Amino acid sequence: MNVTVSPTPSARRVGASSAGGLARLRAVLPLISRIVAAVGGGYALAALASVAVLALPVSRIQAVIGGMLGSFAVYAAAVVWVFAVRSATRAWMGLLVAALPLLPLAWSVWHGAAPAVSP
């Protein structure tokens, strides 16, 4: 005769809550990371792109308007990218790779080395 003894309901809750909570956290962390990448990383990439446009040899007014309009497309593309790739790590790496060429251009604008073209 096989007799199985099941733990009391309170014992099941304690064991299940710590193991289940950890499993749930592991399942939710990639999603949270993607959301942070989409909101924060997308914003940072769009801001870098809009500032980097000021380094182009066009008038300041055209560069500002072009940067503002382009930043919406960059932000939308970043959000789509973050949720389209296979992992949250690839999403962060993609944002970083996209930001690397923009960083020197934005740096030159921040430090006054951008070309001054009159309208």
PDB file of N, CA and C in Angstrom:
ATOM      1  N   MET A   1       0.840  -1.171   0.000  1.00  0.00           N
ATOM      2  CA  MET A   1       0.000   0.000   0.000  1.00  0.00           C
ATOM      3  C   MET A   1       0.891   1.242   0.000  1.00  0.00           C
ATOM      4  N   ASN A   2       0.642   2.123  -0.928  1.00  0.00           N
ATOM      5  CA  ASN A   2       1.411   3.367  -1.028  1.00  0.00           C
ATOM      6  C   ASN A   2       0.654   4.501  -0.373  1.00  0.00           C
ATOM      7  N   VAL A   3       1.287   5.115   0.564  1.00  0.00           N
ATOM      8  CA  VAL A   3       0.680   6.247   1.250  1.00  0.00           C
ATOM      9  C   VAL A   3       1.559   7.461   0.996  1.00  0.00           C
ATOM     10  N   THR A   4       0.961   8.505   0.472  1.00  0.00           N
ATOM     11  CA  THR A   4       1.714   9.752   0.273  1.00  0.00           C
ATOM     12  C   THR A   4       1.201  10.786   1.252  1.00  0.00           C
ATOM     13  N   VAL A   5       2.127  11.496   1.792  1.00  0.00           N
ATOM     14  CA  VAL A   5       1.773  12.535   2.744  1.00  0.00           C
ATOM     15  C   VAL A   5       2.045  13.868   2.067  1.00  0.00           C
ATOM     16  N   SER A   6       1.021  14.670   1.949  1.00  0.00           N
ATOM     17  CA  SER A   6       1.213  15.992   1.344  1.00  0.00           C
ATOM     18  C   SER A   6       1.418  17.022   2.447  1.00  0.00           C
ATOM     19  N   PRO A   7       2.217  18.016   2.166  1.00  0.00           N
ATOM     20  CA  PRO A   7       2.449  19.028   3.192  1.00  0.00           C
ATOM     21  C   PRO A   7       1.183  19.831   3.467  1.00  0.00           C
ATOM     22  N   THR A   8       1.184  20.447   4.613  1.00  0.00           N
ATOM     23  CA  THR A   8       0.029  21.262   4.979  1.00  0.00           C
ATOM     24  C   THR A   8      -0.066  22.454   4.029  1.00  0.00           C
ATOM     25  N   PRO A   9      -1.233  23.053   3.907  1.00  0.00           N
ATOM     26  CA  PRO A   9      -1.377  24.193   2.986  1.00  0.00           C
ATOM     27  C   PRO A   9      -0.421  25.336   3.300  1.00  0.00           C
ATOM     28  N   SER A  10      -0.158  25.602   4.570  1.00  0.00           N
ATOM     29  CA  SER A  10       0.751  26.698   4.899  1.00  0.00           C
ATOM     30  C   SER A  10       2.183  26.357   4.488  1.00  0.00           C
ATOM     31  N   ALA A  11       2.580  25.098   4.610  1.00  0.00           N
ATOM     32  CA  ALA A  11       3.923  24.685   4.200  1.00  0.00           C
ATOM     33  C   ALA A  11       4.059  24.760   2.689  1.00  0.00           C
ATOM     34  N   ARG A  12       3.007  24.424   1.969  1.00  0.00           N
ATOM     35  CA  ARG A  12       3.042  24.526   0.512  1.00  0.00           C
ATOM     36  C   ARG A  12       3.180  25.972   0.069  1.00  0.00           C
ATOM     37  N   ARG A  13       2.489  26.871   0.739  1.00  0.00           N
ATOM     38  CA  ARG A  13       2.558  28.284   0.362  1.00  0.00           C
ATOM     39  C   ARG A  13       3.945  28.854   0.569  1.00  0.00           C
ATOM     40  N   VAL A  14       4.590  28.529   1.662  1.00  0.00           N
ATOM     41  CA  VAL A  14       5.911  29.074   1.952  1.00  0.00           C
ATOM     42  C   VAL A  14       6.913  28.589   0.922  1.00  0.00           C
ATOM     43  N   GLY A  15       6.928  27.292   0.648  1.00  0.00           N
ATOM     44  CA  GLY A  15       7.866  26.756  -0.327  1.00  0.00           C
ATOM     45  C   GLY A  15       7.556  27.227  -1.732  1.00  0.00           C
ATOM     46  N   ALA A  16       6.291  27.270  -2.069  1.00  0.00           N
ATOM     47  CA  ALA A  16       5.901  27.663  -3.414  1.00  0.00           C
ATOM     48  C   ALA A  16       6.084  29.153  -3.633  1.00  0.00           C
ATOM     49  N   SER A  17       5.881  29.945  -2.602  1.00  0.00           N
ATOM     50  CA  SER A  17       5.988  31.388  -2.804  1.00  0.00           C
ATOM     51  C   SER A  17       7.423  31.814  -3.056  1.00  0.00           C
ATOM     52  N   SER A  18       8.376  31.222  -2.358  1.00  0.00           N
ATOM     53  CA  SER A  18       9.761  31.615  -2.586  1.00  0.00           C
ATOM     54  C   SER A  18      10.268  31.068  -3.914  1.00  0.00           C
ATOM     55  N   ALA A  19       9.940  29.825  -4.229  1.00  0.00           N
ATOM     56  CA  ALA A  19      10.372  29.255  -5.500  1.00  0.00           C
ATOM     57  C   ALA A  19       9.581  29.857  -6.654  1.00  0.00           C
ATOM     58  N   GLY A  20       8.294  30.029  -6.458  1.00  0.00           N
ATOM     59  CA  GLY A  20       7.459  30.617  -7.506  1.00  0.00           C
ATOM     60  C   GLY A  20       7.767  32.079  -7.736  1.00  0.00           C
ATOM     61  N   GLY A  21       8.075  32.779  -6.650  1.00  0.00           N
ATOM     62  CA  GLY A  21       8.413  34.191  -6.786  1.00  0.00           C
ATOM     63  C   GLY A  21       9.707  34.394  -7.548  1.00  0.00           C
ATOM     64  N   LEU A  22      10.677  33.532  -7.298  1.00  0.00           N
ATOM     65  CA  LEU A  22      11.946  33.607  -8.005  1.00  0.00           C
ATOM     66  C   LEU A  22      11.764  33.250  -9.474  1.00  0.00           C
ATOM     67  N   ALA A  23      10.962  32.249  -9.737  1.00  0.00           N
ATOM     68  CA  ALA A  23      10.696  31.859 -11.127  1.00  0.00           C
ATOM     69  C   ALA A  23       9.933  32.962 -11.859  1.00  0.00           C
ATOM     70  N   ARG A  24       8.988  33.573 -11.168  1.00  0.00           N
ATOM     71  CA  ARG A  24       8.235  34.655 -11.782  1.00  0.00           C
ATOM     72  C   ARG A  24       9.128  35.854 -12.054  1.00  0.00           C
ATOM     73  N   LEU A  25      10.033  36.145 -11.124  1.00  0.00           N
ATOM     74  CA  LEU A  25      10.964  37.255 -11.310  1.00  0.00           C
ATOM     75  C   LEU A  25      11.885  37.000 -12.492  1.00  0.00           C
ATOM     76  N   ARG A  26      12.364  35.761 -12.626  1.00  0.00           N
ATOM     77  CA  ARG A  26      13.211  35.414 -13.769  1.00  0.00           C
ATOM     78  C   ARG A  26      12.451  35.513 -15.074  1.00  0.00           C
ATOM     79  N   ALA A  27      11.170  35.270 -15.054  1.00  0.00           N
ATOM     80  CA  ALA A  27      10.364  35.362 -16.263  1.00  0.00           C
ATOM     81  C   ALA A  27      10.035  36.805 -16.612  1.00  0.00           C
ATOM     82  N   VAL A  28       9.931  37.661 -15.610  1.00  0.00           N
ATOM     83  CA  VAL A  28       9.502  39.039 -15.830  1.00  0.00           C
ATOM     84  C   VAL A  28      10.687  39.983 -16.085  1.00  0.00           C
ATOM     85  N   LEU A  29      11.867  39.662 -15.563  1.00  0.00           N
ATOM     86  CA  LEU A  29      13.017  40.554 -15.707  1.00  0.00           C
ATOM     87  C   LEU A  29      13.362  40.886 -17.159  1.00  0.00           C
ATOM     88  N   PRO A  30      13.368  39.933 -18.096  1.00  0.00           N
ATOM     89  CA  PRO A  30      13.647  40.313 -19.481  1.00  0.00           C
ATOM     90  C   PRO A  30      12.624  41.298 -20.052  1.00  0.00           C
ATOM     91  N   LEU A  31      11.377  41.136 -19.662  1.00  0.00           N
ATOM     92  CA  LEU A  31      10.351  42.068 -20.135  1.00  0.00           C
ATOM     93  C   LEU A  31      10.574  43.457 -19.550  1.00  0.00           C
ATOM     94  N   ILE A  32      10.891  43.525 -18.263  1.00  0.00           N
ATOM     95  CA  ILE A  32      11.162  44.810 -17.637  1.00  0.00           C
ATOM     96  C   ILE A  32      12.382  45.459 -18.283  1.00  0.00           C
ATOM     97  N   SER A  33      13.394  44.660 -18.562  1.00  0.00           N
ATOM     98  CA  SER A  33      14.596  45.184 -19.216  1.00  0.00           C
ATOM     99  C   SER A  33      14.272  45.731 -20.598  1.00  0.00           C
ATOM    100  N   ARG A  34      13.429  45.044 -21.334  1.00  0.00           N
ATOM    101  CA  ARG A  34      13.036  45.542 -22.664  1.00  0.00           C
ATOM    102  C   ARG A  34      12.227  46.836 -22.562  1.00  0.00           C
ATOM    103  N   ILE A  35      11.360  46.918 -21.576  1.00  0.00           N
ATOM    104  CA  ILE A  35      10.570  48.143 -21.415  1.00  0.00           C
ATOM    105  C   ILE A  35      11.481  49.317 -21.082  1.00  0.00           C
ATOM    106  N   VAL A  36      12.437  49.098 -20.185  1.00  0.00           N
ATOM    107  CA  VAL A  36      13.392  50.159 -19.845  1.00  0.00           C
ATOM    108  C   VAL A  36      14.230  50.527 -21.059  1.00  0.00           C
ATOM    109  N   ALA A  37      14.633  49.526 -21.845  1.00  0.00           N
ATOM    110  CA  ALA A  37      15.410  49.792 -23.058  1.00  0.00           C
ATOM    111  C   ALA A  37      14.584  50.574 -24.064  1.00  0.00           C
ATOM    112  N   ALA A  38      13.315  50.224 -24.209  1.00  0.00           N
ATOM    113  CA  ALA A  38      12.466  50.929 -25.169  1.00  0.00           C
ATOM    114  C   ALA A  38      12.239  52.377 -24.750  1.00  0.00           C
ATOM    115  N   VAL A  39      11.918  52.578 -23.490  1.00  0.00           N
ATOM    116  CA  VAL A  39      11.615  53.936 -23.033  1.00  0.00           C
ATOM    117  C   VAL A  39      12.889  54.756 -22.855  1.00  0.00           C
ATOM    118  N   GLY A  40      13.803  54.271 -22.034  1.00  0.00           N
ATOM    119  CA  GLY A  40      15.012  55.036 -21.736  1.00  0.00           C
ATOM    120  C   GLY A  40      16.037  55.012 -22.848  1.00  0.00           C
ATOM    121  N   GLY A  41      16.341  53.818 -23.351  1.00  0.00           N
ATOM    122  CA  GLY A  41      17.322  53.703 -24.423  1.00  0.00           C
ATOM    123  C   GLY A  41      16.843  54.338 -25.714  1.00  0.00           C
ATOM    124  N   GLY A  42      15.573  54.166 -26.019  1.00  0.00           N
ATOM    125  CA  GLY A  42      15.016  54.811 -27.215  1.00  0.00           C
ATOM    126  C   GLY A  42      15.062  56.320 -27.115  1.00  0.00           C
ATOM    127  N   TYR A  43      14.766  56.839 -25.934  1.00  0.00           N
ATOM    128  CA  TYR A  43      14.833  58.288 -25.731  1.00  0.00           C
ATOM    129  C   TYR A  43      16.266  58.789 -25.873  1.00  0.00           C
ATOM    130  N   ALA A  44      17.212  58.072 -25.275  1.00  0.00           N
ATOM    131  CA  ALA A  44      18.619  58.482 -25.362  1.00  0.00           C
ATOM    132  C   ALA A  44      19.106  58.438 -26.809  1.00  0.00           C
ATOM    133  N   LEU A  45      18.725  57.416 -27.542  1.00  0.00           N
ATOM    134  CA  LEU A  45      19.131  57.316 -28.939  1.00  0.00           C
ATOM    135  C   LEU A  45      18.502  58.424 -29.771  1.00  0.00           C
ATOM    136  N   ALA A  46      17.236  58.722 -29.541  1.00  0.00           N
ATOM    137  CA  ALA A  46      16.579  59.799 -30.275  1.00  0.00           C
ATOM    138  C   ALA A  46      17.192  61.159 -29.940  1.00  0.00           C
ATOM    139  N   ALA A  47      17.545  61.361 -28.675  1.00  0.00           N
ATOM    140  CA  ALA A  47      18.186  62.624 -28.285  1.00  0.00           C
ATOM    141  C   ALA A  47      19.561  62.759 -28.919  1.00  0.00           C
ATOM    142  N   LEU A  48      20.329  61.686 -28.926  1.00  0.00           N
ATOM    143  CA  LEU A  48      21.643  61.719 -29.582  1.00  0.00           C
ATOM    144  C   LEU A  48      21.511  62.014 -31.064  1.00  0.00           C
ATOM    145  N   ALA A  49      20.539  61.404 -31.712  1.00  0.00           N
ATOM    146  CA  ALA A  49      20.338  61.628 -33.143  1.00  0.00           C
ATOM    147  C   ALA A  49      19.934  63.071 -33.427  1.00  0.00           C
ATOM    148  N   SER A  50      19.071  63.614 -32.598  1.00  0.00           N
ATOM    149  CA  SER A  50      18.629  64.988 -32.845  1.00  0.00           C
ATOM    150  C   SER A  50      19.742  65.991 -32.608  1.00  0.00           C
ATOM    151  N   VAL A  51      20.637  65.712 -31.682  1.00  0.00           N
ATOM    152  CA  VAL A  51      21.779  66.609 -31.450  1.00  0.00           C
ATOM    153  C   VAL A  51      22.841  66.394 -32.526  1.00  0.00           C
ATOM    154  N   ALA A  52      23.038  65.151 -32.962  1.00  0.00           N
ATOM    155  CA  ALA A  52      24.053  64.860 -33.972  1.00  0.00           C
ATOM    156  C   ALA A  52      23.738  65.520 -35.304  1.00  0.00           C
ATOM    157  N   VAL A  53      22.471  65.734 -35.590  1.00  0.00           N
ATOM    158  CA  VAL A  53      22.094  66.406 -36.842  1.00  0.00           C
ATOM    159  C   VAL A  53      22.654  67.826 -36.880  1.00  0.00           C
ATOM    160  N   LEU A  54      22.844  68.430 -35.728  1.00  0.00           N
ATOM    161  CA  LEU A  54      23.393  69.788 -35.687  1.00  0.00           C
ATOM    162  C   LEU A  54      24.841  69.844 -36.171  1.00  0.00           C
ATOM    163  N   ALA A  55      25.523  68.715 -36.248  1.00  0.00           N
ATOM    164  CA  ALA A  55      26.896  68.681 -36.742  1.00  0.00           C
ATOM    165  C   ALA A  55      26.954  68.680 -38.267  1.00  0.00           C
ATOM    166  N   LEU A  56      25.822  68.499 -38.918  1.00  0.00           N
ATOM    167  CA  LEU A  56      25.807  68.505 -40.386  1.00  0.00           C
ATOM    168  C   LEU A  56      25.990  69.925 -40.914  1.00  0.00           C
ATOM    169  N   PRO A  57      26.569  70.057 -42.101  1.00  0.00           N
ATOM    170  CA  PRO A  57      26.794  71.404 -42.663  1.00  0.00           C
ATOM    171  C   PRO A  57      25.542  71.987 -43.322  1.00  0.00           C
ATOM    172  N   VAL A  58      24.526  72.211 -42.533  1.00  0.00           N
ATOM    173  CA  VAL A  58      23.302  72.878 -42.989  1.00  0.00           C
ATOM    174  C   VAL A  58      23.013  74.006 -42.006  1.00  0.00           C
ATOM    175  N   SER A  59      22.065  74.847 -42.350  1.00  0.00           N
ATOM    176  CA  SER A  59      21.743  75.954 -41.442  1.00  0.00           C
ATOM    177  C   SER A  59      21.199  75.409 -40.126  1.00  0.00           C
ATOM    178  N   ARG A  60      21.371  76.191 -39.082  1.00  0.00           N
ATOM    179  CA  ARG A  60      20.950  75.758 -37.744  1.00  0.00           C
ATOM    180  C   ARG A  60      19.453  75.470 -37.698  1.00  0.00           C
ATOM    181  N   ILE A  61      18.677  76.306 -38.345  1.00  0.00           N
ATOM    182  CA  ILE A  61      17.221  76.128 -38.318  1.00  0.00           C
ATOM    183  C   ILE A  61      16.835  74.809 -38.976  1.00  0.00           C
ATOM    184  N   GLN A  62      17.416  74.523 -40.142  1.00  0.00           N
ATOM    185  CA  GLN A  62      17.122  73.261 -40.813  1.00  0.00           C
ATOM    186  C   GLN A  62      17.589  72.060 -39.986  1.00  0.00           C
ATOM    187  N   ALA A  63      18.731  72.204 -39.353  1.00  0.00           N
ATOM    188  CA  ALA A  63      19.249  71.104 -38.534  1.00  0.00           C
ATOM    189  C   ALA A  63      18.355  70.856 -37.326  1.00  0.00           C
ATOM    190  N   VAL A  64      17.887  71.909 -36.685  1.00  0.00           N
ATOM    191  CA  VAL A  64      17.019  71.742 -35.518  1.00  0.00           C
ATOM    192  C   VAL A  64      15.700  71.092 -35.917  1.00  0.00           C
ATOM    193  N   ILE A  65      15.091  71.574 -36.983  1.00  0.00           N
ATOM    194  CA  ILE A  65      13.816  71.002 -37.432  1.00  0.00           C
ATOM    195  C   ILE A  65      14.019  69.564 -37.900  1.00  0.00           C
ATOM    196  N   GLY A  66      15.084  69.318 -38.652  1.00  0.00           N
ATOM    197  CA  GLY A  66      15.371  67.959 -39.104  1.00  0.00           C
ATOM    198  C   GLY A  66      15.645  67.014 -37.944  1.00  0.00           C
ATOM    199  N   GLY A  67      16.372  67.502 -36.952  1.00  0.00           N
ATOM    200  CA  GLY A  67      16.653  66.675 -35.779  1.00  0.00           C
ATOM    201  C   GLY A  67      15.406  66.365 -34.983  1.00  0.00           C
ATOM    202  N   MET A  68      14.538  67.362 -34.843  1.00  0.00           N
ATOM    203  CA  MET A  68      13.296  67.127 -34.102  1.00  0.00           C
ATOM    204  C   MET A  68      12.393  66.140 -34.836  1.00  0.00           C
ATOM    205  N   LEU A  69      12.252  66.306 -36.135  1.00  0.00           N
ATOM    206  CA  LEU A  69      11.399  65.395 -36.894  1.00  0.00           C
ATOM    207  C   LEU A  69      12.004  63.993 -36.962  1.00  0.00           C
ATOM    208  N   GLY A  70      13.308  63.938 -37.153  1.00  0.00           N
ATOM    209  CA  GLY A  70      13.968  62.642 -37.230  1.00  0.00           C
ATOM    210  C   GLY A  70      13.960  61.880 -35.920  1.00  0.00           C
ATOM    211  N   SER A  71      13.944  62.613 -34.808  1.00  0.00           N
ATOM    212  CA  SER A  71      13.973  61.938 -33.515  1.00  0.00           C
ATOM    213  C   SER A  71      12.725  61.093 -33.283  1.00  0.00           C
ATOM    214  N   PHE A  72      11.601  61.489 -33.842  1.00  0.00           N
ATOM    215  CA  PHE A  72      10.379  60.678 -33.705  1.00  0.00           C
ATOM    216  C   PHE A  72      10.541  59.342 -34.423  1.00  0.00           C
ATOM    217  N   ALA A  73      11.125  59.371 -35.611  1.00  0.00           N
ATOM    218  CA  ALA A  73      11.350  58.134 -36.365  1.00  0.00           C
ATOM    219  C   ALA A  73      12.386  57.255 -35.669  1.00  0.00           C
ATOM    220  N   VAL A  74      13.436  57.864 -35.133  1.00  0.00           N
ATOM    221  CA  VAL A  74      14.467  57.099 -34.427  1.00  0.00           C
ATOM    222  C   VAL A  74      13.884  56.448 -33.184  1.00  0.00           C
ATOM    223  N   TYR A  75      13.075  57.184 -32.444  1.00  0.00           N
ATOM    224  CA  TYR A  75      12.471  56.631 -31.224  1.00  0.00           C
ATOM    225  C   TYR A  75      11.541  55.469 -31.559  1.00  0.00           C
ATOM    226  N   ALA A  76      10.713  55.655 -32.581  1.00  0.00           N
ATOM    227  CA  ALA A  76       9.788  54.576 -32.967  1.00  0.00           C
ATOM    228  C   ALA A  76      10.560  53.344 -33.437  1.00  0.00           C
ATOM    229  N   ALA A  77      11.609  53.546 -34.211  1.00  0.00           N
ATOM    230  CA  ALA A  77      12.414  52.423 -34.686  1.00  0.00           C
ATOM    231  C   ALA A  77      13.110  51.717 -33.524  1.00  0.00           C
ATOM    232  N   ALA A  78      13.559  52.475 -32.537  1.00  0.00           N
ATOM    233  CA  ALA A  78      14.218  51.872 -31.377  1.00  0.00           C
ATOM    234  C   ALA A  78      13.232  51.018 -30.583  1.00  0.00           C
ATOM    235  N   VAL A  79      12.022  51.497 -30.405  1.00  0.00           N
ATOM    236  CA  VAL A  79      11.013  50.724 -29.664  1.00  0.00           C
ATOM    237  C   VAL A  79      10.678  49.433 -30.414  1.00  0.00           C
ATOM    238  N   VAL A  80      10.515  49.536 -31.721  1.00  0.00           N
ATOM    239  CA  VAL A  80      10.223  48.334 -32.510  1.00  0.00           C
ATOM    240  C   VAL A  80      11.395  47.361 -32.436  1.00  0.00           C
ATOM    241  N   TRP A  81      12.616  47.892 -32.535  1.00  0.00           N
ATOM    242  CA  TRP A  81      13.806  47.037 -32.473  1.00  0.00           C
ATOM    243  C   TRP A  81      13.886  46.283 -31.149  1.00  0.00           C
ATOM    244  N   VAL A  82      13.641  46.983 -30.059  1.00  0.00           N
ATOM    245  CA  VAL A  82      13.775  46.379 -28.734  1.00  0.00           C
ATOM    246  C   VAL A  82      12.850  45.186 -28.569  1.00  0.00           C
ATOM    247  N   PHE A  83      11.658  45.268 -29.096  1.00  0.00           N
ATOM    248  CA  PHE A  83      10.710  44.168 -28.935  1.00  0.00           C
ATOM    249  C   PHE A  83      10.748  43.166 -30.087  1.00  0.00           C
ATOM    250  N   ALA A  84      11.532  43.435 -31.125  1.00  0.00           N
ATOM    251  CA  ALA A  84      11.614  42.517 -32.257  1.00  0.00           C
ATOM    252  C   ALA A  84      12.749  41.511 -32.125  1.00  0.00           C
ATOM    253  N   VAL A  85      13.798  41.848 -31.396  1.00  0.00           N
ATOM    254  CA  VAL A  85      14.946  40.940 -31.299  1.00  0.00           C
ATOM    255  C   VAL A  85      14.657  39.808 -30.313  1.00  0.00           C
ATOM    256  N   ARG A  86      15.505  38.787 -30.346  1.00  0.00           N
ATOM    257  CA  ARG A  86      15.259  37.579 -29.558  1.00  0.00           C
ATOM    258  C   ARG A  86      15.446  37.756 -28.064  1.00  0.00           C
ATOM    259  N   SER A  87      16.383  38.612 -27.645  1.00  0.00           N
ATOM    260  CA  SER A  87      16.663  38.712 -26.214  1.00  0.00           C
ATOM    261  C   SER A  87      16.828  40.166 -25.809  1.00  0.00           C
ATOM    262  N   ALA A  88      16.705  40.396 -24.520  1.00  0.00           N
ATOM    263  CA  ALA A  88      16.890  41.749 -23.995  1.00  0.00           C
ATOM    264  C   ALA A  88      18.341  42.190 -24.141  1.00  0.00           C
ATOM    265  N   THR A  89      19.277  41.257 -24.068  1.00  0.00           N
ATOM    266  CA  THR A  89      20.687  41.592 -24.247  1.00  0.00           C
ATOM    267  C   THR A  89      20.944  42.099 -25.653  1.00  0.00           C
ATOM    268  N   ARG A  90      20.365  41.441 -26.646  1.00  0.00           N
ATOM    269  CA  ARG A  90      20.515  41.910 -28.031  1.00  0.00           C
ATOM    270  C   ARG A  90      19.863  43.272 -28.221  1.00  0.00           C
ATOM    271  N   ALA A  91      18.779  43.511 -27.529  1.00  0.00           N
ATOM    272  CA  ALA A  91      18.122  44.815 -27.634  1.00  0.00           C
ATOM    273  C   ALA A  91      19.036  45.918 -27.122  1.00  0.00           C
ATOM    274  N   TRP A  92      19.630  45.700 -25.941  1.00  0.00           N
ATOM    275  CA  TRP A  92      20.541  46.695 -25.381  1.00  0.00           C
ATOM    276  C   TRP A  92      21.765  46.870 -26.268  1.00  0.00           C
ATOM    277  N   MET A  93      22.309  45.761 -26.785  1.00  0.00           N
ATOM    278  CA  MET A  93      23.485  45.849 -27.654  1.00  0.00           C
ATOM    279  C   MET A  93      23.160  46.597 -28.948  1.00  0.00           C
ATOM    280  N   GLY A  94      21.991  46.364 -29.494  1.00  0.00           N
ATOM    281  CA  GLY A  94      21.593  47.079 -30.706  1.00  0.00           C
ATOM    282  C   GLY A  94      21.485  48.578 -30.478  1.00  0.00           C
ATOM    283  N   LEU A  95      20.927  48.960 -29.341  1.00  0.00           N
ATOM    284  CA  LEU A  95      20.846  50.384 -29.020  1.00  0.00           C
ATOM    285  C   LEU A  95      22.233  50.990 -28.845  1.00  0.00           C
ATOM    286  N   LEU A  96      23.113  50.237 -28.211  1.00  0.00           N
ATOM    287  CA  LEU A  96      24.482  50.718 -28.008  1.00  0.00           C
ATOM    288  C   LEU A  96      25.223  50.860 -29.330  1.00  0.00           C
ATOM    289  N   VAL A  97      25.085  49.883 -30.213  1.00  0.00           N
ATOM    290  CA  VAL A  97      25.743  49.935 -31.516  1.00  0.00           C
ATOM    291  C   VAL A  97      25.195  51.104 -32.343  1.00  0.00           C
ATOM    292  N   ALA A  98      23.912  51.374 -32.251  1.00  0.00           N
ATOM    293  CA  ALA A  98      23.332  52.505 -32.986  1.00  0.00           C
ATOM    294  C   ALA A  98      23.782  53.837 -32.402  1.00  0.00           C
ATOM    295  N   ALA A  99      24.035  53.880 -31.098  1.00  0.00           N
ATOM    296  CA  ALA A  99      24.426  55.139 -30.453  1.00  0.00           C
ATOM    297  C   ALA A  99      25.903  55.469 -30.655  1.00  0.00           C
ATOM    298  N   LEU A 100      26.748  54.479 -30.864  1.00  0.00           N
ATOM    299  CA  LEU A 100      28.191  54.719 -30.964  1.00  0.00           C
ATOM    300  C   LEU A 100      28.586  55.690 -32.082  1.00  0.00           C
ATOM    301  N   PRO A 101      28.059  55.574 -33.304  1.00  0.00           N
ATOM    302  CA  PRO A 101      28.454  56.554 -34.324  1.00  0.00           C
ATOM    303  C   PRO A 101      27.878  57.957 -34.080  1.00  0.00           C
ATOM    304  N   LEU A 102      26.781  58.024 -33.350  1.00  0.00           N
ATOM    305  CA  LEU A 102      26.160  59.322 -33.085  1.00  0.00           C
ATOM    306  C   LEU A 102      26.873  60.084 -31.968  1.00  0.00           C
ATOM    307  N   LEU A 103      27.515  59.361 -31.081  1.00  0.00           N
ATOM    308  CA  LEU A 103      28.141  59.984 -29.921  1.00  0.00           C
ATOM    309  C   LEU A 103      29.233  60.984 -30.282  1.00  0.00           C
ATOM    310  N   PRO A 104      30.174  60.685 -31.188  1.00  0.00           N
ATOM    311  CA  PRO A 104      31.178  61.703 -31.529  1.00  0.00           C
ATOM    312  C   PRO A 104      30.585  62.952 -32.181  1.00  0.00           C
ATOM    313  N   LEU A 105      29.549  62.758 -32.991  1.00  0.00           N
ATOM    314  CA  LEU A 105      28.901  63.920 -33.619  1.00  0.00           C
ATOM    315  C   LEU A 105      28.224  64.794 -32.572  1.00  0.00           C
ATOM    316  N   ALA A 106      27.499  64.160 -31.668  1.00  0.00           N
ATOM    317  CA  ALA A 106      26.844  64.927 -30.603  1.00  0.00           C
ATOM    318  C   ALA A 106      27.880  65.574 -29.698  1.00  0.00           C
ATOM    319  N   TRP A 107      28.979  64.887 -29.437  1.00  0.00           N
ATOM    320  CA  TRP A 107      30.057  65.444 -28.606  1.00  0.00           C
ATOM    321  C   TRP A 107      30.636  66.703 -29.243  1.00  0.00           C
ATOM    322  N   SER A 108      30.800  66.678 -30.571  1.00  0.00           N
ATOM    323  CA  SER A 108      31.339  67.865 -31.247  1.00  0.00           C
ATOM    324  C   SER A 108      30.376  69.044 -31.163  1.00  0.00           C
ATOM    325  N   VAL A 109      29.100  68.757 -31.183  1.00  0.00           N
ATOM    326  CA  VAL A 109      28.113  69.839 -31.045  1.00  0.00           C
ATOM    327  C   VAL A 109      28.135  70.383 -29.625  1.00  0.00           C
ATOM    328  N   TRP A 110      28.213  69.506 -28.638  1.00  0.00           N
ATOM    329  CA  TRP A 110      28.212  69.936 -27.240  1.00  0.00           C
ATOM    330  C   TRP A 110      29.427  70.778 -26.914  1.00  0.00           C
ATOM    331  N   HIS A 111      30.547  70.540 -27.590  1.00  0.00           N
ATOM    332  CA  HIS A 111      31.775  71.265 -27.278  1.00  0.00           C
ATOM    333  C   HIS A 111      32.099  72.334 -28.310  1.00  0.00           C
ATOM    334  N   GLY A 112      31.148  72.690 -29.130  1.00  0.00           N
ATOM    335  CA  GLY A 112      31.300  73.831 -30.028  1.00  0.00           C
ATOM    336  C   GLY A 112      32.140  73.586 -31.255  1.00  0.00           C
ATOM    337  N   ALA A 113      32.375  72.358 -31.663  1.00  0.00           N
ATOM    338  CA  ALA A 113      33.192  72.097 -32.841  1.00  0.00           C
ATOM    339  C   ALA A 113      32.323  71.891 -34.092  1.00  0.00           C
ATOM    340  N   ALA A 114      31.046  72.069 -33.963  1.00  0.00           N
ATOM    341  CA  ALA A 114      30.148  71.868 -35.105  1.00  0.00           C
ATOM    342  C   ALA A 114      30.330  73.003 -36.091  1.00  0.00           C
ATOM    343  N   PRO A 115      30.190  72.736 -37.386  1.00  0.00           N
ATOM    344  CA  PRO A 115      30.343  73.793 -38.386  1.00  0.00           C
ATOM    345  C   PRO A 115      29.269  74.857 -38.238  1.00  0.00           C
ATOM    346  N   ALA A 116      29.669  76.070 -38.364  1.00  0.00           N
ATOM    347  CA  ALA A 116      28.712  77.186 -38.287  1.00  0.00           C
ATOM    348  C   ALA A 116      28.377  77.640 -39.692  1.00  0.00           C
ATOM    349  N   VAL A 117      27.204  77.253 -40.151  1.00  0.00           N
ATOM    350  CA  VAL A 117      26.746  77.611 -41.500  1.00  0.00           C
ATOM    351  C   VAL A 117      25.657  78.645 -41.339  1.00  0.00           C
ATOM    352  N   SER A 118      25.801  79.738 -42.031  1.00  0.00           N
ATOM    353  CA  SER A 118      24.781  80.793 -41.925  1.00  0.00           C
ATOM    354  C   SER A 118      23.603  80.444 -42.803  1.00  0.00           C
ATOM    355  N   PRO A 119      22.430  80.948 -42.467  1.00  0.00           N
ATOM    356  CA  PRO A 119      21.234  80.600 -43.250  1.00  0.00           C
ATOM    357  C   PRO A 119      21.274  81.214 -44.573  1.00  0.00           C
TER     358      PRO A 119
END
